[in-house]
Amino acid sequence: MTTQELRIGNFLHYAGTNYVAKVDLIHGRNHFDCRDESGSFTPNGSYSPIPLTEQWLLDFTEDGEPLCFEKWNDNAWEFYTTTGDFTVNPERIKYVHLFQNWFRFTSGTELTFKTEG
């Protein structure tokens, strides 16, 4: 995982755990810092991408509303957004941060996590 595929606000795991961190700062090509679930700043941490699962999709919201999607099969998920309908192949977008980036690029909307309010 490189800083080129990250945006501020992307979710990651602390490496080797299920604790969620959120990208807060990106410093050049090789360094980024995150905040943990309590908001504490964690510089120079070791992070790993979060596999994109159906549960993660259920926990995302768009403009405060649950993300509306339909799983057609293992190769196609249809998303119904405020700006249109989009299909994604989960084999091509395997991680939460990549899905966040794709969704923002495709719909123009930033996804939030239910616990963020």
C-alpha atoms as a PDB file:
ATOM      1  CA  MET A   1       0.000   0.000   0.000  1.00  0.00           C
ATOM      2  CA  THR A   2       1.437   3.357  -1.032  1.00  0.00           C
ATOM      3  CA  THR A   3       0.448   6.946  -0.327  1.00  0.00           C
ATOM      4  CA  GLN A   4      -0.527   7.290  -3.992  1.00  0.00           C
ATOM      5  CA  GLU A   5      -3.584   5.084  -3.380  1.00  0.00           C
ATOM      6  CA  LEU A   6      -4.610   6.850  -0.151  1.00  0.00           C
ATOM      7  CA  ARG A   7      -6.731   9.905   0.524  1.00  0.00           C
ATOM      8  CA  ILE A   8      -7.353  11.727   3.783  1.00  0.00           C
ATOM      9  CA  GLY A   9     -10.313  10.034   5.445  1.00  0.00           C
ATOM     10  CA  ASN A  10      -9.529   6.517   4.219  1.00  0.00           C
ATOM     11  CA  PHE A  11      -9.962   3.717   6.748  1.00  0.00           C
ATOM     12  CA  LEU A  12      -7.132   1.283   7.509  1.00  0.00           C
ATOM     13  CA  HIS A  13      -6.361  -1.331  10.157  1.00  0.00           C
ATOM     14  CA  TYR A  14      -3.471  -1.105  12.527  1.00  0.00           C
ATOM     15  CA  ALA A  15      -1.311  -3.919  11.173  1.00  0.00           C
ATOM     16  CA  GLY A  16      -2.098  -7.234  12.807  1.00  0.00           C
ATOM     17  CA  THR A  17      -5.275  -5.967  14.530  1.00  0.00           C
ATOM     18  CA  ASN A  18      -8.904  -5.149  13.783  1.00  0.00           C
ATOM     19  CA  TYR A  19      -8.581  -1.624  15.189  1.00  0.00           C
ATOM     20  CA  VAL A  20      -9.642   0.974  12.650  1.00  0.00           C
ATOM     21  CA  ALA A  21      -7.568   4.067  11.916  1.00  0.00           C
ATOM     22  CA  LYS A  22      -8.415   6.966   9.629  1.00  0.00           C
ATOM     23  CA  VAL A  23      -5.810   8.625   7.394  1.00  0.00           C
ATOM     24  CA  ASP A  24      -5.328  12.152   8.708  1.00  0.00           C
ATOM     25  CA  LEU A  25      -2.165  13.450   7.016  1.00  0.00           C
ATOM     26  CA  ILE A  26      -0.209  12.416   3.942  1.00  0.00           C
ATOM     27  CA  HIS A  27       3.449  13.468   3.776  1.00  0.00           C
ATOM     28  CA  GLY A  28       4.872  12.993   0.315  1.00  0.00           C
ATOM     29  CA  ARG A  29       5.260   9.615  -1.317  1.00  0.00           C
ATOM     30  CA  ASN A  30       6.080   7.283   1.550  1.00  0.00           C
ATOM     31  CA  HIS A  31       4.599   8.537   4.794  1.00  0.00           C
ATOM     32  CA  PHE A  32       1.109   9.009   6.210  1.00  0.00           C
ATOM     33  CA  ASP A  33      -0.333   9.427   9.690  1.00  0.00           C
ATOM     34  CA  CYS A  34      -3.668   8.319  11.101  1.00  0.00           C
ATOM     35  CA  ARG A  35      -6.023   8.965  13.985  1.00  0.00           C
ATOM     36  CA  ASP A  36      -7.431   6.062  15.962  1.00  0.00           C
ATOM     37  CA  GLU A  37     -11.100   5.499  16.842  1.00  0.00           C
ATOM     38  CA  SER A  38     -10.843   7.814  19.864  1.00  0.00           C
ATOM     39  CA  GLY A  39      -9.318  10.594  17.738  1.00  0.00           C
ATOM     40  CA  SER A  40      -5.788  10.230  19.096  1.00  0.00           C
ATOM     41  CA  PHE A  41      -3.077  11.033  16.586  1.00  0.00           C
ATOM     42  CA  THR A  42      -0.829   8.086  15.736  1.00  0.00           C
ATOM     43  CA  PRO A  43       2.174   9.093  13.635  1.00  0.00           C
ATOM     44  CA  ASN A  44       4.464   6.599  11.937  1.00  0.00           C
ATOM     45  CA  GLY A  45       2.147   3.687  12.625  1.00  0.00           C
ATOM     46  CA  SER A  46       2.128   0.393  10.850  1.00  0.00           C
ATOM     47  CA  TYR A  47      -1.122  -0.053   8.932  1.00  0.00           C
ATOM     48  CA  SER A  48      -2.702  -2.567   6.600  1.00  0.00           C
ATOM     49  CA  PRO A  49      -5.594  -2.335   4.148  1.00  0.00           C
ATOM     50  CA  ILE A  50      -9.025  -3.523   5.312  1.00  0.00           C
ATOM     51  CA  PRO A  51     -10.591  -6.226   3.118  1.00  0.00           C
ATOM     52  CA  LEU A  52     -13.870  -4.989   1.622  1.00  0.00           C
ATOM     53  CA  THR A  53     -16.711  -7.121   2.971  1.00  0.00           C
ATOM     54  CA  GLU A  54     -20.472  -6.934   2.782  1.00  0.00           C
ATOM     55  CA  GLN A  55     -20.501  -5.897   6.459  1.00  0.00           C
ATOM     56  CA  TRP A  56     -18.321  -2.881   5.679  1.00  0.00           C
ATOM     57  CA  LEU A  57     -20.746  -1.889   2.930  1.00  0.00           C
ATOM     58  CA  LEU A  58     -23.645  -2.171   5.388  1.00  0.00           C
ATOM     59  CA  ASP A  59     -21.768   0.098   7.821  1.00  0.00           C
ATOM     60  CA  PHE A  60     -21.170   2.899   5.305  1.00  0.00           C
ATOM     61  CA  THR A  61     -23.552   5.820   4.894  1.00  0.00           C
ATOM     62  CA  GLU A  62     -24.024   8.329   2.097  1.00  0.00           C
ATOM     63  CA  ASP A  63     -25.294  11.730   3.222  1.00  0.00           C
ATOM     64  CA  GLY A  64     -26.396  10.165   6.529  1.00  0.00           C
ATOM     65  CA  GLU A  65     -28.392   7.397   4.867  1.00  0.00           C
ATOM     66  CA  PRO A  66     -27.422   3.708   4.671  1.00  0.00           C
ATOM     67  CA  LEU A  67     -25.557   2.835   1.499  1.00  0.00           C
ATOM     68  CA  CYS A  68     -28.027   1.232  -0.877  1.00  0.00           C
ATOM     69  CA  PHE A  69     -26.645  -1.709  -2.840  1.00  0.00           C
ATOM     70  CA  GLU A  70     -27.532  -5.091  -4.228  1.00  0.00           C
ATOM     71  CA  LYS A  71     -25.177  -8.033  -4.512  1.00  0.00           C
ATOM     72  CA  TRP A  72     -25.939  -9.702  -7.852  1.00  0.00           C
ATOM     73  CA  ASN A  73     -23.270 -12.380  -7.564  1.00  0.00           C
ATOM     74  CA  ASP A  74     -19.615 -12.662  -6.618  1.00  0.00           C
ATOM     75  CA  ASN A  75     -18.631 -10.541  -9.626  1.00  0.00           C
ATOM     76  CA  ALA A  76     -21.062  -7.621  -9.488  1.00  0.00           C
ATOM     77  CA  TRP A  77     -22.499  -5.308  -6.853  1.00  0.00           C
ATOM     78  CA  GLU A  78     -24.908  -2.567  -7.916  1.00  0.00           C
ATOM     79  CA  PHE A  79     -24.900   0.691  -5.924  1.00  0.00           C
ATOM     80  CA  TYR A  80     -27.814   3.110  -5.966  1.00  0.00           C
ATOM     81  CA  THR A  81     -26.591   6.579  -5.018  1.00  0.00           C
ATOM     82  CA  THR A  82     -27.974  10.086  -4.951  1.00  0.00           C
ATOM     83  CA  THR A  83     -26.130  10.777  -8.228  1.00  0.00           C
ATOM     84  CA  GLY A  84     -26.828   7.545 -10.133  1.00  0.00           C
ATOM     85  CA  ASP A  85     -26.416   3.795 -10.203  1.00  0.00           C
ATOM     86  CA  PHE A  86     -22.989   2.161 -10.431  1.00  0.00           C
ATOM     87  CA  THR A  87     -21.749  -1.407 -10.738  1.00  0.00           C
ATOM     88  CA  VAL A  88     -18.485  -2.602  -9.244  1.00  0.00           C
ATOM     89  CA  ASN A  89     -16.622  -5.882  -9.513  1.00  0.00           C
ATOM     90  CA  PRO A  90     -15.456  -6.775  -5.986  1.00  0.00           C
ATOM     91  CA  GLU A  91     -12.539  -8.717  -7.460  1.00  0.00           C
ATOM     92  CA  ARG A  92     -11.138  -5.418  -8.745  1.00  0.00           C
ATOM     93  CA  ILE A  93     -11.762  -3.331  -5.614  1.00  0.00           C
ATOM     94  CA  LYS A  94     -10.723  -5.551  -2.726  1.00  0.00           C
ATOM     95  CA  TYR A  95     -10.050  -3.015   0.033  1.00  0.00           C
ATOM     96  CA  VAL A  96     -12.109  -0.459   1.927  1.00  0.00           C
ATOM     97  CA  HIS A  97      -9.819   2.489   1.108  1.00  0.00           C
ATOM     98  CA  LEU A  98      -9.970   1.679  -2.619  1.00  0.00           C
ATOM     99  CA  PHE A  99     -13.763   1.448  -2.450  1.00  0.00           C
ATOM    100  CA  GLN A 100     -13.905   4.810  -0.655  1.00  0.00           C
ATOM    101  CA  ASN A 101     -11.775   6.336  -3.401  1.00  0.00           C
ATOM    102  CA  TRP A 102     -13.799   4.706  -6.213  1.00  0.00           C
ATOM    103  CA  PHE A 103     -17.103   5.803  -4.656  1.00  0.00           C
ATOM    104  CA  ARG A 104     -15.923   9.397  -4.256  1.00  0.00           C
ATOM    105  CA  PHE A 105     -14.642   9.512  -7.829  1.00  0.00           C
ATOM    106  CA  THR A 106     -17.750   7.869  -9.285  1.00  0.00           C
ATOM    107  CA  SER A 107     -20.516   9.566  -7.298  1.00  0.00           C
ATOM    108  CA  GLY A 108     -18.847  12.755  -6.054  1.00  0.00           C
ATOM    109  CA  THR A 109     -19.992  11.843  -2.528  1.00  0.00           C
ATOM    110  CA  GLU A 110     -17.826  11.086   0.484  1.00  0.00           C
ATOM    111  CA  LEU A 111     -18.797   7.931   2.376  1.00  0.00           C
ATOM    112  CA  THR A 112     -18.944   7.995   6.163  1.00  0.00           C
ATOM    113  CA  PHE A 113     -18.989   5.191   8.701  1.00  0.00           C
ATOM    114  CA  LYS A 114     -22.111   4.753  10.844  1.00  0.00           C
ATOM    115  CA  THR A 115     -20.204   5.408  14.068  1.00  0.00           C
ATOM    116  CA  GLU A 116     -18.941   8.779  12.762  1.00  0.00           C
ATOM    117  CA  GLY A 117     -22.438  10.252  13.063  1.00  0.00           C
END
